[in-house]
Protein backbone atom coordinates (compact mmCIF):
# COMPACT_ATOMS: atom_id res chain seq x y z
CA UNK A 1 49.49 -70.68 -15.75
CA UNK A 2 47.57 -71.91 -18.85
CA UNK A 3 45.26 -74.87 -18.33
CA UNK A 4 47.04 -76.81 -21.10
CA UNK A 5 49.97 -77.34 -18.73
CA UNK A 6 47.94 -78.14 -15.62
CA UNK A 7 49.98 -81.31 -15.28
CA UNK A 8 52.84 -79.14 -13.97
CA UNK A 9 51.47 -79.91 -10.52
CA UNK A 10 52.67 -83.49 -11.03
CA UNK A 11 56.27 -82.48 -11.37
CA UNK A 12 56.99 -79.92 -8.67
CA UNK A 13 60.54 -80.33 -7.43
CA UNK A 14 61.96 -80.72 -3.96
CA UNK A 15 65.52 -80.07 -2.91
CA UNK A 16 67.65 -82.86 -1.51
CA UNK A 17 70.01 -82.18 1.36
CA UNK A 18 72.83 -82.23 -1.17
CA UNK A 19 71.20 -79.44 -3.13
CA UNK A 20 70.46 -81.66 -6.14
CA UNK A 21 67.05 -81.03 -7.70
CA UNK A 22 64.94 -84.18 -7.59
CA UNK A 23 61.43 -84.79 -8.92
CA UNK A 24 58.86 -86.06 -6.42
CA UNK A 25 58.41 -89.16 -8.55
CA UNK A 26 62.15 -89.74 -8.37
CA UNK A 27 62.05 -89.76 -4.56
CA UNK A 28 59.23 -92.29 -4.49
CA UNK A 29 60.45 -94.60 -7.23
CA UNK A 30 64.22 -94.54 -6.79
CA UNK A 31 64.45 -98.31 -6.35
CA UNK A 32 62.34 -99.33 -9.32
CA UNK A 33 63.36 -101.07 -12.52
CA UNK A 34 62.68 -99.06 -15.66
CA UNK A 35 62.72 -99.72 -19.38
CA UNK A 36 65.60 -97.26 -19.90
CA UNK A 37 67.82 -95.63 -17.30
CA UNK A 38 70.22 -92.85 -18.30
CA UNK A 39 72.76 -92.60 -15.48
CA UNK A 40 75.45 -90.16 -14.37
CA UNK A 41 74.55 -87.33 -16.72
CA UNK A 42 74.41 -83.59 -16.17
CA UNK A 43 70.72 -82.91 -16.58
CA UNK A 44 69.39 -79.86 -18.42
CA UNK A 45 65.66 -80.10 -17.78
CA UNK A 46 64.76 -77.55 -20.49
CA UNK A 47 63.74 -74.68 -18.24
CA UNK A 48 67.06 -72.84 -18.47
CA UNK A 49 68.19 -73.26 -14.86
CA UNK A 50 71.47 -74.67 -13.65
CA UNK A 51 72.02 -78.28 -14.72
CA UNK A 52 72.28 -80.92 -12.01
CA UNK A 53 73.77 -84.40 -11.82
CA UNK A 54 71.40 -87.31 -11.83
CA UNK A 55 69.51 -89.87 -13.85
CA UNK A 56 66.53 -89.98 -16.20
CA UNK A 57 64.28 -93.04 -16.01
CA UNK A 58 61.95 -94.00 -18.85
CA UNK A 59 58.99 -96.37 -18.84
CA UNK A 60 57.22 -96.96 -22.13
CA UNK A 61 57.00 -93.65 -23.94
CA UNK A 62 57.13 -91.51 -20.79
CA UNK A 63 59.72 -90.10 -18.45
CA UNK A 64 59.06 -91.83 -15.12
CA UNK A 65 61.59 -90.11 -12.86
CA UNK A 66 64.35 -87.49 -12.95
CA UNK A 67 66.93 -86.94 -10.25
CA UNK A 68 69.08 -88.96 -7.88
CA UNK A 69 68.11 -92.59 -8.48
CA UNK A 70 70.96 -94.59 -6.95
CA UNK A 71 68.94 -97.76 -6.43
CA UNK A 72 67.17 -97.75 -9.78
CA UNK A 73 67.98 -100.17 -12.57
CA UNK A 74 67.03 -100.31 -16.23
CA UNK A 75 66.44 -103.02 -18.77
CA UNK A 76 68.64 -100.80 -20.90
CA UNK A 77 71.13 -98.60 -19.07
CA UNK A 78 73.03 -95.73 -20.70
CA UNK A 79 76.05 -94.27 -18.96
CA UNK A 80 76.03 -90.51 -19.58
CA UNK A 81 79.10 -89.69 -17.48
CA UNK A 82 80.63 -86.44 -18.71
CA UNK A 83 77.66 -85.79 -21.01
CA UNK A 84 74.66 -83.47 -21.03
CA UNK A 85 71.17 -84.97 -20.91
CA UNK A 86 68.46 -82.73 -22.35
CA UNK A 87 64.99 -82.83 -23.89
CA UNK A 88 64.97 -83.57 -27.62
CA UNK A 89 65.41 -80.48 -29.76
CA UNK A 90 62.54 -78.90 -31.69
CA UNK A 91 63.22 -77.74 -35.24
CA UNK A 92 60.85 -74.80 -35.71
CA UNK A 93 61.21 -74.74 -39.49
CA UNK A 94 61.80 -77.98 -41.34
CA UNK A 95 61.48 -78.73 -45.04
CA UNK A 96 61.28 -82.49 -44.51
CA UNK A 97 57.87 -82.72 -46.19
CA UNK A 98 59.19 -84.91 -49.00
CA UNK A 99 62.51 -86.14 -47.62
CA UNK A 100 60.79 -88.11 -44.85
CA UNK A 101 58.75 -89.94 -47.50
CA UNK A 102 61.95 -91.05 -49.18
CA UNK A 103 63.91 -91.74 -45.97
CA UNK A 104 62.22 -91.73 -42.58
CA UNK A 105 65.47 -91.97 -40.63
CA UNK A 106 65.93 -88.17 -40.67
CA UNK A 107 69.64 -88.76 -40.13
CA UNK A 108 70.96 -85.23 -40.65
CA UNK A 109 68.50 -83.97 -38.02
CA UNK A 110 68.40 -86.71 -35.42
CA UNK A 111 72.22 -86.92 -35.31
CA UNK A 112 72.03 -83.34 -34.00
CA UNK A 113 69.50 -84.23 -31.31
CA UNK A 114 66.35 -83.12 -33.16
CA UNK A 115 63.29 -85.13 -32.15
CA UNK A 116 60.51 -82.93 -33.62
CA UNK A 117 60.37 -81.54 -37.15
CA UNK A 118 57.83 -78.71 -37.57
CA UNK A 119 56.95 -78.23 -41.24
CA UNK A 120 54.73 -75.97 -43.34
CA UNK A 121 56.41 -72.64 -44.16
CA UNK A 122 53.71 -70.91 -46.18
CA UNK A 123 52.80 -74.11 -48.00
CA UNK A 124 51.80 -77.46 -46.55
CA UNK A 125 51.18 -81.01 -47.71
CA UNK A 126 47.44 -80.46 -47.57
CA UNK A 127 44.67 -79.64 -48.02
CA UNK A 128 44.94 -80.64 -51.68
CA UNK A 129 42.28 -81.00 -54.34
CA UNK A 130 42.54 -83.12 -57.49
CA UNK A 131 43.95 -80.25 -59.56
CA UNK A 132 46.70 -79.64 -57.02
CA UNK A 133 47.52 -83.34 -56.84
CA UNK A 134 47.88 -83.46 -60.60
CA UNK A 135 50.26 -80.47 -60.49
CA UNK A 136 52.31 -82.03 -57.70
CA UNK A 137 52.76 -85.44 -59.27
CA UNK A 138 56.29 -85.83 -60.57
CA UNK A 139 56.85 -88.95 -62.67
CA UNK A 140 60.62 -88.42 -62.48
CA UNK A 141 63.18 -89.97 -60.19
CA UNK A 142 61.96 -88.07 -57.12
CA UNK A 143 58.27 -88.78 -57.60
CA UNK A 144 56.10 -90.27 -54.88
CA UNK A 145 52.53 -91.44 -54.56
CA UNK A 146 50.14 -88.85 -53.11
CA UNK A 147 48.10 -91.05 -50.81
CA UNK A 148 46.38 -88.28 -48.85
CA UNK A 149 44.21 -85.19 -49.31
CA UNK A 150 44.19 -83.27 -46.03
CA UNK A 151 47.12 -82.11 -43.94
CA UNK A 152 46.12 -84.42 -41.12
CA UNK A 153 46.06 -87.39 -43.49
CA UNK A 154 49.57 -86.53 -44.69
CA UNK A 155 50.96 -86.48 -41.16
CA UNK A 156 49.29 -89.81 -40.38
CA UNK A 157 50.75 -91.17 -43.63
CA UNK A 158 54.25 -90.31 -42.42
CA UNK A 159 53.66 -91.91 -39.04
CA UNK A 160 52.32 -95.12 -40.57
CA UNK A 161 55.12 -95.21 -43.13
CA UNK A 162 57.65 -94.95 -40.34
CA UNK A 163 59.74 -91.99 -39.21
CA UNK A 164 62.43 -91.71 -36.56
CA UNK A 165 61.39 -88.24 -35.40
CA UNK A 166 58.10 -86.70 -34.40
CA UNK A 167 56.35 -84.56 -37.00
CA UNK A 168 54.05 -81.55 -36.95
CA UNK A 169 52.98 -78.90 -39.43
CA UNK A 170 51.36 -75.54 -39.92
CA UNK A 171 48.75 -75.17 -42.64
CA UNK A 172 50.00 -72.82 -45.36
CA UNK A 173 48.06 -69.77 -46.51
CA UNK A 174 49.63 -70.33 -49.93
CA UNK A 175 48.15 -73.82 -50.00
CA UNK A 176 44.60 -72.83 -49.06
CA UNK A 177 44.77 -69.92 -51.53
CA UNK A 178 45.93 -72.27 -54.28
CA UNK A 179 43.14 -74.68 -53.34
CA UNK A 180 40.52 -72.03 -54.10
CA UNK A 181 42.17 -69.56 -56.52
CA UNK A 182 44.87 -71.61 -58.20
CA UNK A 183 47.81 -69.36 -59.10
CA UNK A 184 45.79 -66.22 -59.81
CA UNK A 185 47.03 -62.85 -58.55
CA UNK A 186 43.74 -61.45 -57.30
CA UNK A 187 41.72 -61.02 -54.15
CA UNK A 188 39.42 -63.90 -53.22
CA UNK A 189 35.69 -63.29 -53.38
CA UNK A 190 33.79 -63.36 -50.10
CA UNK A 191 32.70 -66.93 -50.85
CA UNK A 192 36.24 -68.05 -51.73
CA UNK A 193 37.65 -66.48 -48.59
CA UNK A 194 35.08 -68.25 -46.46
CA UNK A 195 36.02 -71.56 -48.07
CA UNK A 196 39.69 -70.79 -47.34
CA UNK A 197 38.80 -70.11 -43.71
CA UNK A 198 36.95 -73.42 -43.60
CA UNK A 199 40.05 -75.22 -44.88
CA UNK A 200 42.14 -73.62 -42.13
CA UNK A 201 39.49 -74.63 -39.61
CA UNK A 202 39.62 -78.23 -40.81
CA UNK A 203 43.42 -78.29 -40.61
CA UNK A 204 43.37 -76.84 -37.09
CA UNK A 205 40.92 -79.51 -35.97
CA UNK A 206 43.20 -82.14 -37.50
CA UNK A 207 46.07 -80.83 -35.38
CA UNK A 208 47.87 -78.09 -37.34
CA UNK A 209 50.06 -75.86 -35.17
CA UNK A 210 48.51 -72.77 -36.71
CA UNK A 211 48.54 -70.98 -40.03
CA UNK A 212 51.70 -69.92 -41.89
CA UNK A 213 52.57 -67.55 -44.70
CA UNK A 214 55.57 -67.10 -46.99
CA UNK A 215 55.02 -63.74 -48.59
CA UNK A 216 57.91 -63.55 -51.05
CA UNK A 217 56.78 -66.71 -52.85
CA UNK A 218 53.77 -67.26 -55.06
CA UNK A 219 50.89 -67.80 -54.64
CA UNK A 220 51.32 -66.62 -51.03
CA UNK A 221 52.73 -63.30 -52.23
CA UNK A 222 49.36 -62.47 -53.82
CA UNK A 223 47.61 -62.37 -50.42
CA UNK A 224 47.00 -58.93 -48.95
CA UNK A 225 46.88 -58.04 -45.26
CA UNK A 226 43.09 -58.42 -45.04
CA UNK A 227 43.24 -61.97 -46.35
CA UNK A 228 45.98 -62.91 -43.92
CA UNK A 229 44.08 -61.44 -40.97
CA UNK A 230 40.99 -63.42 -41.94
CA UNK A 231 42.93 -66.70 -42.01
CA UNK A 232 44.94 -65.95 -38.86
CA UNK A 233 41.69 -65.29 -36.98
CA UNK A 234 40.70 -68.91 -37.55
CA UNK A 235 43.97 -70.18 -36.14
CA UNK A 236 43.46 -67.94 -33.11
CA UNK A 237 40.04 -69.50 -32.46
CA UNK A 238 41.82 -72.79 -31.81
CA UNK A 239 44.75 -71.40 -29.85
CA UNK A 240 47.07 -71.70 -32.84
CA UNK A 241 49.83 -69.40 -34.03
CA UNK A 242 50.34 -67.19 -37.09
CA UNK A 243 53.90 -67.72 -38.31
CA UNK A 244 55.32 -65.88 -41.30
CA UNK A 245 58.17 -65.53 -43.73
CA UNK A 246 57.42 -61.84 -43.85
CA UNK A 247 56.90 -59.94 -47.10
CA UNK A 248 60.38 -58.45 -47.26
CA UNK A 249 63.75 -59.05 -45.62
CA UNK A 250 65.63 -56.40 -47.58
CA UNK A 251 64.65 -52.91 -48.67
CA UNK A 252 61.12 -53.31 -47.29
CA UNK A 253 62.06 -55.13 -44.07
CA UNK A 254 60.56 -52.65 -41.62
CA UNK A 255 57.34 -52.31 -43.60
CA UNK A 256 57.07 -56.10 -43.63
CA UNK A 257 57.53 -56.26 -39.87
CA UNK A 258 54.80 -53.67 -39.41
CA UNK A 259 52.44 -55.72 -41.59
CA UNK A 260 53.22 -58.79 -39.50
CA UNK A 261 52.51 -56.93 -36.25
CA UNK A 262 49.28 -55.54 -37.72
CA UNK A 263 48.09 -59.06 -38.54
CA UNK A 264 48.92 -60.26 -35.02
CA UNK A 265 47.07 -57.34 -33.42
CA UNK A 266 43.99 -57.52 -35.58
CA UNK A 267 43.65 -61.30 -35.53
CA UNK A 268 44.40 -61.43 -31.78
CA UNK A 269 46.79 -64.28 -32.46
CA UNK A 270 50.22 -65.32 -31.24
CA UNK A 271 52.81 -64.61 -33.92
CA UNK A 272 56.28 -65.73 -34.95
CA UNK A 273 58.65 -64.48 -37.63
CA UNK A 274 60.43 -67.21 -39.56
CA UNK A 275 64.27 -67.04 -39.70
CA UNK A 276 64.65 -63.46 -38.52
CA UNK A 277 67.21 -61.56 -40.61
CA UNK A 278 68.09 -58.38 -42.47
CA UNK A 279 69.20 -58.91 -46.05
CA UNK A 280 71.91 -57.43 -48.24
CA UNK A 281 72.13 -53.65 -48.13
CA UNK A 282 69.84 -53.47 -45.09
CA UNK A 283 71.94 -54.85 -42.27
CA UNK A 284 71.64 -51.61 -40.31
CA UNK A 285 67.85 -52.14 -40.07
CA UNK A 286 68.24 -55.20 -37.88
CA UNK A 287 68.42 -53.22 -34.63
CA UNK A 288 65.33 -51.20 -35.51
CA UNK A 289 63.45 -54.40 -36.37
CA UNK A 290 64.35 -55.83 -32.97
CA UNK A 291 63.30 -52.58 -31.28
CA UNK A 292 59.88 -52.71 -32.92
CA UNK A 293 59.35 -56.35 -32.00
CA UNK A 294 60.38 -55.79 -28.40
CA UNK A 295 58.10 -52.74 -28.23
CA UNK A 296 55.23 -54.95 -29.42
CA UNK A 297 56.12 -57.58 -26.82
CA UNK A 298 56.12 -54.90 -24.11
CA UNK A 299 52.71 -53.85 -25.39
CA UNK A 300 51.49 -57.38 -24.67
CA UNK A 301 51.66 -59.00 -28.09
CA UNK A 302 52.83 -62.63 -27.98
CA UNK A 303 55.47 -62.25 -30.68
CA UNK A 304 58.56 -64.42 -31.12
CA UNK A 305 60.97 -65.45 -33.89
CA UNK A 306 63.24 -68.28 -34.95
CA UNK A 307 66.56 -68.40 -36.79
CA UNK A 308 69.28 -70.59 -38.25
CA UNK A 309 72.88 -69.74 -37.22
CA UNK A 310 74.35 -68.88 -40.63
CA UNK A 311 74.91 -65.67 -42.56
CA UNK A 312 73.65 -67.28 -45.78
CA UNK A 313 70.12 -68.32 -46.71
CA UNK A 314 68.98 -70.92 -49.24
CA UNK A 315 65.99 -70.90 -51.55
CA UNK A 316 65.31 -70.79 -55.29
CA UNK A 317 66.06 -68.24 -58.01
CA UNK A 318 62.35 -67.45 -58.01
CA UNK A 319 62.95 -65.45 -54.83
CA UNK A 320 64.90 -62.77 -56.71
CA UNK A 321 62.32 -62.35 -59.47
CA UNK A 322 59.18 -60.21 -59.17
CA UNK A 323 55.96 -61.94 -58.13
CA UNK A 324 54.03 -60.85 -61.23
CA UNK A 325 56.20 -62.96 -63.54
CA UNK A 326 55.37 -66.07 -61.47
CA UNK A 327 51.59 -65.70 -61.63
CA UNK A 328 49.86 -68.78 -63.02
CA UNK A 329 52.31 -71.32 -61.64
CA UNK A 330 55.59 -72.81 -62.71
CA UNK A 331 54.95 -73.46 -66.40
CA UNK A 332 53.44 -70.00 -66.95
CA UNK A 333 56.53 -68.49 -65.31
CA UNK A 334 58.92 -70.48 -67.51
CA UNK A 335 57.04 -69.53 -70.68
CA UNK A 336 57.06 -65.84 -69.77
CA UNK A 337 60.82 -65.92 -69.29
CA UNK A 338 61.17 -66.86 -72.95
CA UNK A 339 59.53 -63.57 -74.03
CA UNK A 340 62.16 -60.84 -74.75
CA UNK A 341 59.86 -58.05 -73.55
CA UNK A 342 59.14 -59.85 -70.28
CA UNK A 343 62.82 -60.59 -69.79
CA UNK A 344 63.70 -56.93 -70.15
CA UNK A 345 61.25 -55.99 -67.40
CA UNK A 346 62.34 -58.87 -65.13
CA UNK A 347 65.99 -57.95 -65.67
CA UNK A 348 65.31 -54.43 -64.43
CA UNK A 349 63.37 -55.61 -61.37
CA UNK A 350 65.52 -58.55 -60.34
CA UNK A 351 66.94 -58.27 -56.82
CA UNK A 352 70.28 -60.09 -56.71
CA UNK A 353 72.39 -59.73 -53.54
CA UNK A 354 75.47 -57.67 -54.25
CA UNK A 355 73.90 -55.88 -57.22
CA UNK A 356 74.54 -52.16 -56.80
CA UNK A 357 74.43 -49.21 -59.13
CA UNK A 358 73.38 -49.04 -62.77
CA UNK A 359 76.14 -51.41 -63.89
CA UNK A 360 74.91 -54.08 -61.38
CA UNK A 361 78.49 -54.51 -60.14
CA UNK A 362 78.78 -57.58 -57.95
CA UNK A 363 75.52 -59.16 -59.10
CA UNK A 364 75.59 -62.92 -58.72
CA UNK A 365 78.82 -63.10 -56.72
CA UNK A 366 76.83 -63.83 -53.56
CA UNK A 367 74.59 -66.47 -55.15
CA UNK A 368 75.86 -70.06 -55.00
CA UNK A 369 73.99 -72.48 -57.28
CA UNK A 370 73.14 -75.72 -55.50
CA UNK A 371 70.20 -77.66 -56.91
CA UNK A 372 69.35 -78.79 -60.46
CA UNK A 373 66.92 -81.37 -61.81
CA UNK A 374 68.53 -81.51 -65.25
CA UNK A 375 71.56 -83.87 -65.08
CA UNK A 376 73.32 -81.79 -67.73
CA UNK A 377 73.28 -78.78 -65.39
CA UNK A 378 74.37 -80.55 -62.21
CA UNK A 379 78.08 -79.83 -62.83
CA UNK A 380 77.19 -76.16 -62.22
CA UNK A 381 76.29 -76.90 -58.60
CA UNK A 382 78.87 -75.29 -56.35
CA UNK A 383 79.57 -72.41 -58.75
CA UNK A 384 78.36 -68.87 -58.24
CA UNK A 385 75.81 -67.33 -60.55
CA UNK A 386 78.44 -64.77 -61.53
CA UNK A 387 80.90 -67.53 -62.51
CA UNK A 388 78.34 -69.30 -64.67
CA UNK A 389 77.30 -65.99 -66.24
CA UNK A 390 80.92 -65.14 -67.09
CA UNK A 391 81.51 -68.58 -68.60
CA UNK A 392 78.42 -68.15 -70.77
CA UNK A 393 79.12 -64.54 -71.69
CA UNK A 394 75.74 -63.47 -70.28
CA UNK A 395 74.62 -61.13 -67.53
CA UNK A 396 73.82 -62.68 -64.13
CA UNK A 397 70.17 -61.69 -64.58
CA UNK A 398 69.86 -63.36 -67.98
CA UNK A 399 71.74 -66.39 -66.71
CA UNK A 400 69.29 -66.77 -63.83
CA UNK A 401 66.38 -66.72 -66.26
CA UNK A 402 68.14 -69.10 -68.64
CA UNK A 403 68.82 -71.61 -65.88
CA UNK A 404 65.19 -71.63 -64.75
CA UNK A 405 64.14 -72.39 -68.34
CA UNK A 406 66.83 -75.01 -68.95
CA UNK A 407 66.28 -76.80 -65.65
CA UNK A 408 62.49 -76.39 -65.72
CA UNK A 409 62.70 -75.67 -61.99
CA UNK A 410 63.15 -72.80 -59.55
CA UNK A 411 66.86 -73.79 -59.29
CA UNK A 412 68.19 -74.12 -55.75
CA UNK A 413 70.67 -71.52 -54.58
CA UNK A 414 72.44 -70.23 -51.48
CA UNK A 415 72.43 -66.46 -50.94
CA UNK A 416 75.23 -64.87 -48.93
CA UNK A 417 73.19 -61.86 -47.97
CA UNK A 418 73.30 -61.50 -44.18
CA UNK A 419 75.66 -60.05 -41.60
CA UNK A 420 77.52 -62.34 -39.19
CA UNK A 421 77.21 -59.64 -36.53
CA UNK A 422 73.43 -59.73 -36.87
CA UNK A 423 73.48 -63.53 -36.58
CA UNK A 424 75.23 -63.15 -33.22
CA UNK A 425 72.75 -60.49 -32.12
CA UNK A 426 69.82 -62.76 -32.96
CA UNK A 427 71.28 -65.68 -31.02
CA UNK A 428 71.39 -63.51 -27.90
CA UNK A 429 67.69 -62.61 -28.10
CA UNK A 430 65.76 -64.59 -25.44
CA UNK A 431 62.59 -64.73 -27.57
CA UNK A 432 64.27 -66.45 -30.55
CA UNK A 433 64.20 -70.24 -31.04
CA UNK A 434 66.10 -72.20 -33.69
CA UNK A 435 65.54 -74.04 -36.94
CA UNK A 436 67.32 -75.62 -39.89
CA UNK A 437 65.03 -74.30 -42.67
CA UNK A 438 66.10 -77.48 -44.45
CA UNK A 439 65.10 -81.06 -45.08
CA UNK A 440 66.25 -83.94 -42.92
CA UNK A 441 68.36 -86.02 -45.25
CA UNK A 442 71.13 -88.61 -45.44
CA UNK A 443 74.65 -88.43 -46.85
CA UNK A 444 73.88 -91.17 -49.34
CA UNK A 445 71.70 -92.16 -52.29
CA UNK A 446 69.36 -89.67 -53.89
CA UNK A 447 70.36 -86.86 -51.55
CA UNK A 448 73.87 -86.72 -52.98
CA UNK A 449 72.49 -85.38 -56.26
CA UNK A 450 71.96 -82.04 -54.52
CA UNK A 451 74.30 -79.57 -52.85
CA UNK A 452 72.22 -78.38 -49.89
CA UNK A 453 72.86 -75.57 -47.47
CA UNK A 454 75.05 -76.97 -44.66
CA UNK A 455 72.34 -76.03 -42.16
CA UNK A 456 70.59 -79.30 -43.04
CA UNK A 457 73.42 -81.20 -41.34
CA UNK A 458 74.74 -78.62 -38.92
CA UNK A 459 72.35 -75.92 -37.66
CA UNK A 460 71.87 -77.23 -34.13
CA UNK A 461 75.39 -78.56 -33.64
CA UNK A 462 76.77 -75.24 -34.93
CA UNK A 463 74.70 -73.33 -32.39
CA UNK A 464 75.85 -75.49 -29.48
CA UNK A 465 79.45 -75.83 -30.63
CA UNK A 466 80.54 -72.60 -32.24
CA UNK A 467 78.24 -70.02 -30.69
CA UNK A 468 77.54 -71.48 -27.25
CA UNK A 469 80.74 -73.34 -26.33
CA UNK A 470 83.38 -71.49 -28.35
CA UNK A 471 82.04 -67.93 -28.49
CA UNK A 472 79.96 -68.10 -25.28
CA UNK A 473 77.20 -65.92 -26.67
CA UNK A 474 74.65 -67.55 -24.37
CA UNK A 475 74.90 -70.18 -21.61
CA UNK A 476 74.33 -73.80 -22.57
CA UNK A 477 71.28 -74.05 -20.31
CA UNK A 478 69.69 -71.08 -22.08
CA UNK A 479 70.42 -72.59 -25.49
CA UNK A 480 68.78 -75.84 -24.38
CA UNK A 481 65.72 -73.91 -23.14
CA UNK A 482 65.34 -72.23 -26.50
CA UNK A 483 65.69 -75.56 -28.30
CA UNK A 484 63.13 -77.33 -26.11
CA UNK A 485 60.63 -75.91 -23.61
CA UNK A 486 60.46 -72.46 -25.22
CA UNK A 487 59.28 -73.61 -28.68
CA UNK A 488 57.07 -76.28 -27.06
CA UNK A 489 55.32 -73.62 -24.99
CA UNK A 490 55.01 -71.28 -27.99
CA UNK A 491 53.38 -74.07 -29.99
CA UNK A 492 51.28 -75.10 -26.99
CA UNK A 493 52.49 -78.66 -27.17
CA UNK A 494 51.73 -80.47 -23.95
CA UNK A 495 54.16 -82.97 -22.39
CA UNK A 496 57.13 -82.23 -24.62
CA UNK A 497 60.15 -79.97 -24.31
CA UNK A 498 61.13 -80.85 -20.72
CA UNK A 499 62.74 -83.62 -18.74
CA UNK A 500 60.10 -84.16 -16.10
CA UNK A 501 57.91 -87.08 -14.96
CA UNK A 502 54.87 -87.47 -17.16
CA UNK A 503 56.48 -85.93 -20.23
CA UNK A 504 57.11 -87.92 -23.39
CA UNK A 505 60.58 -89.40 -23.40
CA UNK A 506 62.22 -87.37 -26.16
CA UNK A 507 65.79 -87.20 -24.87
CA UNK A 508 69.19 -86.28 -26.29
CA UNK A 509 72.52 -87.17 -24.67
CA UNK A 510 75.41 -85.12 -26.07
CA UNK A 511 78.92 -83.97 -25.29
CA UNK A 512 78.97 -80.17 -24.85
CA UNK A 513 82.75 -80.16 -25.19
CA UNK A 514 82.77 -81.97 -28.54
CA UNK A 515 79.49 -81.31 -30.33
CA UNK A 516 80.38 -79.79 -33.67
CA UNK A 517 79.09 -79.22 -37.19
CA UNK A 518 81.26 -80.41 -40.07
CA UNK A 519 79.12 -79.48 -43.08
CA UNK A 520 80.21 -76.45 -45.06
CA UNK A 521 79.29 -74.91 -48.41
CA UNK A 522 81.95 -76.87 -50.27
CA UNK A 523 81.08 -80.22 -48.65
CA UNK A 524 77.61 -80.00 -47.08
CA UNK A 525 76.87 -83.74 -46.76
CA UNK A 526 78.76 -84.18 -43.49
CA UNK A 527 77.06 -85.30 -40.31
CA UNK A 528 77.50 -83.41 -37.07
CA UNK A 529 79.29 -85.17 -34.22
CA UNK A 530 78.95 -85.08 -30.45
CA UNK A 531 75.44 -86.49 -30.04
CA UNK A 532 75.78 -89.93 -28.46
CA UNK A 533 72.20 -91.09 -27.84
CA UNK A 534 68.70 -89.98 -28.84
CA UNK A 535 65.38 -91.33 -27.58
CA UNK A 536 62.08 -90.57 -29.31
CA UNK A 537 58.92 -91.50 -27.42
CA UNK A 538 61.03 -93.71 -25.18
CA UNK A 539 62.71 -95.71 -27.93
CA UNK A 540 66.40 -95.42 -28.72
CA UNK A 541 66.90 -94.05 -32.23
CA UNK A 542 70.58 -93.12 -31.92
CA UNK A 543 72.86 -95.31 -29.79
CA UNK A 544 76.55 -94.48 -29.54
CA UNK A 545 76.20 -92.13 -32.50
CA UNK A 546 74.56 -94.69 -34.81
CA UNK A 547 71.01 -95.13 -36.01
CA UNK A 548 69.31 -98.17 -34.50
CA UNK A 549 66.72 -98.70 -37.23
CA UNK A 550 63.88 -97.60 -34.96
CA UNK A 551 60.99 -95.52 -36.31
CA UNK A 552 59.02 -94.42 -33.24
CA UNK A 553 58.11 -90.93 -34.50
CA UNK A 554 54.54 -89.74 -34.06
CA UNK A 555 52.32 -86.91 -35.18
CA UNK A 556 52.42 -84.07 -32.65
CA UNK A 557 49.13 -82.20 -32.73
CA UNK A 558 48.45 -78.53 -32.17
CA UNK A 559 46.08 -77.12 -29.53
CA UNK A 560 43.00 -77.16 -31.78
CA UNK A 561 43.03 -80.93 -32.34
CA UNK A 562 39.57 -82.48 -32.27
CA UNK A 563 39.03 -86.22 -31.73
């Protein structure tokens, strides 16, 4: 057993005569008075075993006892009769970087039982230099003050500002590349690469979970395998992970998986694939991808994946355009798209889901437009790219380029490009955890200007309701394990992800019979239901399905954290 969980010796269980599992601390302290006592629940401790009836006692920010506590009392008592009591859920891929600055309540996430948002897919909120800060500053309605430079400073900024959930982040290879090379599509010099490695080292010592890449987006797409190995090696020195949105999820899916496995082998690092999937026209490759990953796991590589339980993804229109046209950053990209010769080349290389054959039949029918900055374009949200193209009398490819220019943004979109059968297959894989791949937001104010993917409001409730309860793809206890202790162990986070004495009191109380997602693509701003109570670091954030106004979230540090 790794030394980072040596405290397991504190929480060995005994078996009562009744057969109910009871922590040693619970036997000794059954008559005590606690800060919070959750009674009468069916306890899922996070390890995936059979749940058992009992109570969870909380003192301060820690779980004090778990088990049969008939004589215990609490300053606050929560009756969990008929409900499941579990560790707080870990969102392995969150885009709450900015949303938590605007609204620290994290309502769409915490109302699903999420207590830890893990950010940093390929890019992170540090390290930034002055040039990057100038590029990031947005004087518009969504602007915010950049009051930090390093990734660690950003996370501390969130904690001090006040958040209802815990926060953590990877350091992005795209960010450290941009720090040293800007938006140039070239290899770093030896000196630049060493400075990039030093930036990763600094982030790891500040508590980053590891290093991440997103290889279909610029500037991350400009990194070759050698560069990624060099950066992943630094994360490995600190016990961190290499986690990647691999270089291709469509025609080049298997080659991208092989590159990922090569990086993991050569850097001697634990690895995870973000939101595992096979895109349009490549659904049949999913089984072979799984076979290769499981072969690598059998070989001894510590390789895992995460997923969101939907057959549609969400990103920007930049994702369907070739990387070369995006070199130099956003403004250079927009200016190039105004050049007829460039447009002709981009048109030929654009990869729209549903586009087949020389006549591009079906192009744009699987692309739902969702996010615009330009108020004049916002009425187009909720329409497909094909519908907008037809209304304008333009091709889908030209319309995509036009919208990027007119909105002066990457333009948010949902892509219906995956197979529902493959989604079900992924849920069954024991080495896959779960994520939203979305920001934590609220169904009010500024957030209503956007039409997000429903996963922001429903990913975790959808898993537990539709796929676990209704379709019975996996047992509830296994789903809880893969939402809690499994990602915590992968990230090497001590004292989170389990209901056991000595662990931080991140707890969710929910109704397995009624938990349900309500957000859909037509009306995505709908909260999930079925989560009754949520505690974060021992403080009640959700009580009877309502936010309490508490902001007890903290920075959760990775294994390389230095004092």
